[in-house]
Protein backbone atom coordinates (compact mmCIF):
# COMPACT_ATOMS: atom_id res chain seq x y z
CA MET A 1 0.00 0.00 0.00
CA MET A 2 2.77 2.46 0.89
CA TYR A 3 4.74 1.58 -2.22
CA GLY A 4 1.73 2.20 -4.42
CA TRP A 5 1.21 5.61 -2.86
CA LEU A 6 4.88 6.48 -3.37
CA TRP A 7 4.83 5.25 -6.97
CA ARG A 8 1.73 7.30 -7.81
CA HIS A 9 3.26 10.47 -6.35
CA LEU A 10 6.61 10.27 -8.13
CA PRO A 11 6.74 12.52 -11.20
CA GLY A 12 7.65 11.55 -14.74
CA PRO A 13 7.56 8.44 -16.91
CA THR A 14 8.09 4.94 -15.60
CA TRP A 15 11.85 4.81 -16.18
CA PHE A 16 12.30 8.12 -14.33
CA ARG A 17 10.12 6.93 -11.44
CA ALA A 18 12.26 3.81 -11.16
CA VAL A 19 15.44 5.90 -11.05
CA LEU A 20 13.95 8.20 -8.40
CA ALA A 21 12.76 5.27 -6.30
CA LEU A 22 16.20 3.64 -6.49
CA ALA A 23 17.92 6.92 -5.58
CA ALA A 24 15.59 7.37 -2.62
CA ALA A 25 16.27 3.83 -1.39
CA VAL A 26 20.03 4.33 -1.69
CA GLY A 27 19.73 7.67 0.11
CA VAL A 28 17.83 6.12 3.00
CA ALA A 29 20.39 3.31 3.27
CA VAL A 30 23.31 5.76 3.28
CA LEU A 31 21.57 7.90 5.90
CA CYS A 32 21.02 4.85 8.11
CA PHE A 33 24.59 3.58 7.81
CA THR A 34 26.22 6.98 8.38
CA THR A 35 24.05 8.49 11.11
CA VAL A 36 21.37 6.25 12.60
CA TYR A 37 23.30 3.01 13.15
CA PRO A 38 26.43 4.64 14.62
CA ALA A 39 24.24 6.68 16.97
CA ILE A 40 22.44 3.62 18.38
CA ALA A 41 25.44 1.23 18.35
CA PRO A 42 26.53 2.06 21.93
CA LEU A 43 23.02 1.27 23.16
CA MET A 44 22.97 -2.22 21.64
CA PRO A 45 23.76 -5.23 23.85
CA PHE A 46 25.86 -6.94 21.15
CA ASN A 47 29.03 -5.19 22.35
CA ASP A 48 28.75 -6.64 25.87
CA THR A 49 30.66 -9.86 25.35
CA THR A 50 32.30 -12.00 27.99
CA VAL A 51 34.24 -14.35 25.72
CA GLY A 52 37.97 -13.98 26.23
CA GLU A 53 37.69 -11.80 29.30
CA GLU A 54 40.61 -12.28 31.66
CA GLN A 55 39.98 -12.76 35.35
């Protein structure tokens, strides 16, 4: 449903809509990898390991 709404609201012919949709997806992925994921990484429990810890 959301993808249909997005597709209908993109301007231009089909090939241009496909390029815009791909550019938007790449932009969201870059934004996530450069800002969102590094910001929440310290809050994730995956860094709290006990393997190899010396006593």
